Amino acid sequence: MISSDALPPAPDFGDDDPRIAYNRVWFNLLRIQRTAFPRIARALRRHGMEDPIWHEIMLEIDRSAAEGMQMAELERRLHVAQYTLSRHVTRMVSSGLVRRERSPGAGRGQRLFLTEAGRLANDAIWPAYMDAIQSEFAHRVSTDEAYALCRVLIRLYP
């Protein structure tokens, strides 16, 4: 672990307009996602997980236990568009990781349940996922900085 003393000093951006800081946050978040995501996704594919979002989907469904999770609630929790989530869930159902049932009542509501195969796959993938995440970030930020960054990022959720 790198101590915060070993980290380079924060850059002096020299922006004439301080509002530019928000633009910098946005573009840096995008760049981090574009650089880290492909490497993490490759690591997970080597272990049989098609997409990193699958872990999050299965984790949320598993937390719902025996009652299952409504698709609409999963969309809200993961901040994923309905069409994107639906596409992932369809592939996960085909892979035997998740099963869906129609919710009673009007509309097209669905409840999702994690299968035993899904639970086993999710448990098995976690060590590889954690290793991939650690290799991306642990050498760049301290544990304290990681928690501080999480606190800030969580405030950015809508």
Protein backbone atom coordinates (compact mmCIF):
# COMPACT_ATOMS: atom_id res chain seq x y z
CA MET A 1 0.00 0.00 0.00
CA ILE A 2 1.26 3.45 -0.86
CA SER A 3 1.18 5.97 1.95
CA SER A 4 -0.43 9.29 1.18
CA ASP A 5 3.01 10.87 1.68
CA ALA A 6 4.31 8.88 -1.30
CA LEU A 7 1.59 10.14 -3.62
CA PRO A 8 2.40 12.97 -6.00
CA PRO A 9 1.03 16.36 -5.01
CA ALA A 10 -2.34 17.35 -6.41
CA PRO A 11 -1.89 19.24 -9.65
CA ASP A 12 -2.45 22.96 -9.75
CA PHE A 13 -4.91 23.19 -12.63
CA GLY A 14 -4.69 26.95 -13.01
CA ASP A 15 -8.23 27.27 -14.35
CA ASP A 16 -9.43 30.84 -14.77
CA ASP A 17 -13.01 29.73 -14.14
CA PRO A 18 -13.41 27.52 -11.03
CA ARG A 19 -16.53 25.93 -12.55
CA ILE A 20 -14.17 24.05 -14.86
CA ALA A 21 -13.48 21.75 -11.88
CA TYR A 22 -16.85 20.04 -12.48
CA ASN A 23 -15.94 19.44 -16.11
CA ARG A 24 -12.64 17.93 -14.94
CA VAL A 25 -14.51 15.56 -12.60
CA TRP A 26 -16.75 14.41 -15.44
CA PHE A 27 -14.00 13.83 -17.99
CA ASN A 28 -11.75 12.10 -15.48
CA LEU A 29 -14.56 9.73 -14.42
CA LEU A 30 -15.15 8.88 -18.07
CA ARG A 31 -11.46 8.27 -18.72
CA ILE A 32 -11.04 6.09 -15.64
CA GLN A 33 -14.05 4.01 -16.69
CA ARG A 34 -12.77 3.68 -20.27
CA THR A 35 -9.32 2.57 -19.18
CA ALA A 36 -10.10 0.34 -16.17
CA PHE A 37 -13.32 -1.30 -17.39
CA PRO A 38 -11.85 -3.21 -20.35
CA ARG A 39 -9.06 -4.70 -18.25
CA ILE A 40 -11.42 -5.69 -15.44
CA ALA A 41 -13.95 -7.11 -17.93
CA ARG A 42 -11.21 -9.21 -19.61
CA ALA A 43 -10.16 -10.61 -16.24
CA LEU A 44 -13.76 -11.61 -15.49
CA ARG A 45 -14.32 -13.15 -18.94
CA ARG A 46 -11.29 -15.36 -18.34
CA HIS A 47 -13.21 -16.67 -15.32
CA GLY A 48 -16.52 -17.13 -17.16
CA MET A 49 -18.34 -13.88 -16.33
CA GLU A 50 -19.57 -12.19 -19.51
CA ASP A 51 -19.82 -8.65 -18.12
CA PRO A 52 -18.94 -6.99 -14.78
CA ILE A 53 -22.53 -5.78 -14.40
CA TRP A 54 -23.57 -9.42 -14.06
CA HIS A 55 -21.92 -9.57 -10.65
CA GLU A 56 -23.84 -6.49 -9.50
CA ILE A 57 -27.10 -7.86 -10.87
CA MET A 58 -26.64 -11.20 -9.14
CA LEU A 59 -25.53 -9.54 -5.90
CA GLU A 60 -28.65 -7.36 -5.75
CA ILE A 61 -30.95 -10.25 -6.63
CA ASP A 62 -29.26 -12.43 -4.00
CA ARG A 63 -29.80 -9.72 -1.38
CA SER A 64 -33.53 -9.87 -2.10
CA ALA A 65 -33.52 -13.54 -0.98
CA ALA A 66 -36.65 -15.66 -1.38
CA GLU A 67 -38.94 -12.80 -2.46
CA GLY A 68 -36.88 -12.04 -5.55
CA MET A 69 -36.35 -8.60 -7.01
CA GLN A 70 -38.54 -6.63 -9.35
CA MET A 71 -36.82 -5.50 -12.54
CA ALA A 72 -37.88 -1.90 -11.89
CA GLU A 73 -36.26 -1.94 -8.46
CA LEU A 74 -33.07 -3.42 -9.90
CA GLU A 75 -32.98 -0.62 -12.48
CA ARG A 76 -33.23 1.97 -9.70
CA ARG A 77 -30.57 0.36 -7.52
CA LEU A 78 -28.04 -0.11 -10.30
CA HIS A 79 -28.79 3.09 -12.24
CA VAL A 80 -29.02 1.04 -15.45
CA ALA A 81 -31.38 1.80 -18.32
CA GLN A 82 -34.27 -0.65 -18.67
CA TYR A 83 -33.29 -1.83 -22.16
CA THR A 84 -29.69 -2.46 -21.07
CA LEU A 85 -30.72 -4.32 -17.94
CA SER A 86 -33.28 -6.36 -19.88
CA ARG A 87 -30.63 -7.42 -22.40
CA HIS A 88 -28.26 -8.53 -19.63
CA VAL A 89 -30.98 -10.36 -17.72
CA THR A 90 -32.10 -12.19 -20.87
CA ARG A 91 -28.55 -13.45 -21.43
CA MET A 92 -28.22 -14.37 -17.76
CA VAL A 93 -31.48 -16.33 -17.90
CA SER A 94 -30.21 -18.15 -21.00
CA SER A 95 -27.00 -18.96 -19.11
CA GLY A 96 -28.98 -20.40 -16.20
CA LEU A 97 -27.75 -17.83 -13.68
CA VAL A 98 -31.08 -16.06 -13.11
CA ARG A 99 -34.70 -17.02 -13.48
CA ARG A 100 -37.61 -14.66 -13.93
CA GLU A 101 -41.24 -14.89 -13.02
CA ARG A 102 -44.08 -12.61 -13.93
CA SER A 103 -45.25 -10.48 -11.03
CA PRO A 104 -48.93 -10.82 -10.18
CA GLY A 105 -51.19 -7.97 -11.24
CA ALA A 106 -51.48 -5.66 -14.19
CA GLY A 107 -48.54 -4.69 -16.32
CA ARG A 108 -45.45 -6.49 -17.41
CA GLY A 109 -43.65 -6.61 -14.08
CA GLN A 110 -41.12 -9.35 -13.49
CA ARG A 111 -39.39 -10.71 -10.44
CA LEU A 112 -35.88 -12.03 -10.70
CA PHE A 113 -34.40 -14.86 -8.68
CA LEU A 114 -30.85 -16.06 -8.48
CA THR A 115 -30.47 -19.72 -9.37
CA GLU A 116 -28.14 -22.01 -7.46
CA ALA A 117 -25.83 -21.92 -10.50
CA GLY A 118 -25.92 -18.12 -10.36
CA ARG A 119 -25.10 -18.08 -6.67
CA LEU A 120 -22.17 -20.46 -7.18
CA ALA A 121 -20.90 -18.49 -10.21
CA ASN A 122 -21.14 -15.19 -8.35
CA ASP A 123 -19.33 -16.56 -5.31
CA ALA A 124 -16.64 -18.08 -7.53
CA ILE A 125 -16.06 -14.90 -9.55
CA TRP A 126 -15.65 -12.57 -6.59
CA PRO A 127 -11.96 -13.37 -5.85
CA ALA A 128 -11.01 -12.73 -9.50
CA TYR A 129 -13.12 -9.55 -9.57
CA MET A 130 -11.54 -8.28 -6.37
CA ASP A 131 -8.04 -9.03 -7.68
CA ALA A 132 -8.78 -7.14 -10.92
CA ILE A 133 -10.10 -4.13 -9.02
CA GLN A 134 -7.14 -4.18 -6.62
CA SER A 135 -4.65 -4.33 -9.48
CA GLU A 136 -6.27 -1.24 -11.04
CA PHE A 137 -6.47 0.96 -7.95
CA ALA A 138 -4.60 -0.28 -4.86
CA HIS A 139 -1.22 0.99 -6.03
CA ARG A 140 -2.66 4.41 -6.89
CA VAL A 141 -4.64 5.38 -3.80
CA SER A 142 -4.46 4.54 -0.12
CA THR A 143 -7.33 2.84 1.69
CA ASP A 144 -8.25 6.14 3.36
CA GLU A 145 -8.25 7.91 0.00
CA ALA A 146 -10.39 5.17 -1.52
CA TYR A 147 -13.00 5.57 1.23
CA ALA A 148 -12.90 9.36 0.90
CA LEU A 149 -13.37 9.07 -2.85
CA CYS A 150 -16.31 6.69 -2.31
CA ARG A 151 -17.98 9.21 -0.02
CA VAL A 152 -17.68 11.90 -2.68
CA LEU A 153 -18.83 9.65 -5.53
CA ILE A 154 -21.86 8.41 -3.58
CA ARG A 155 -22.97 12.04 -3.19
CA LEU A 156 -22.98 12.30 -6.99
CA TYR A 157 -25.68 9.63 -7.40
CA PRO A 158 -28.98 11.13 -8.57
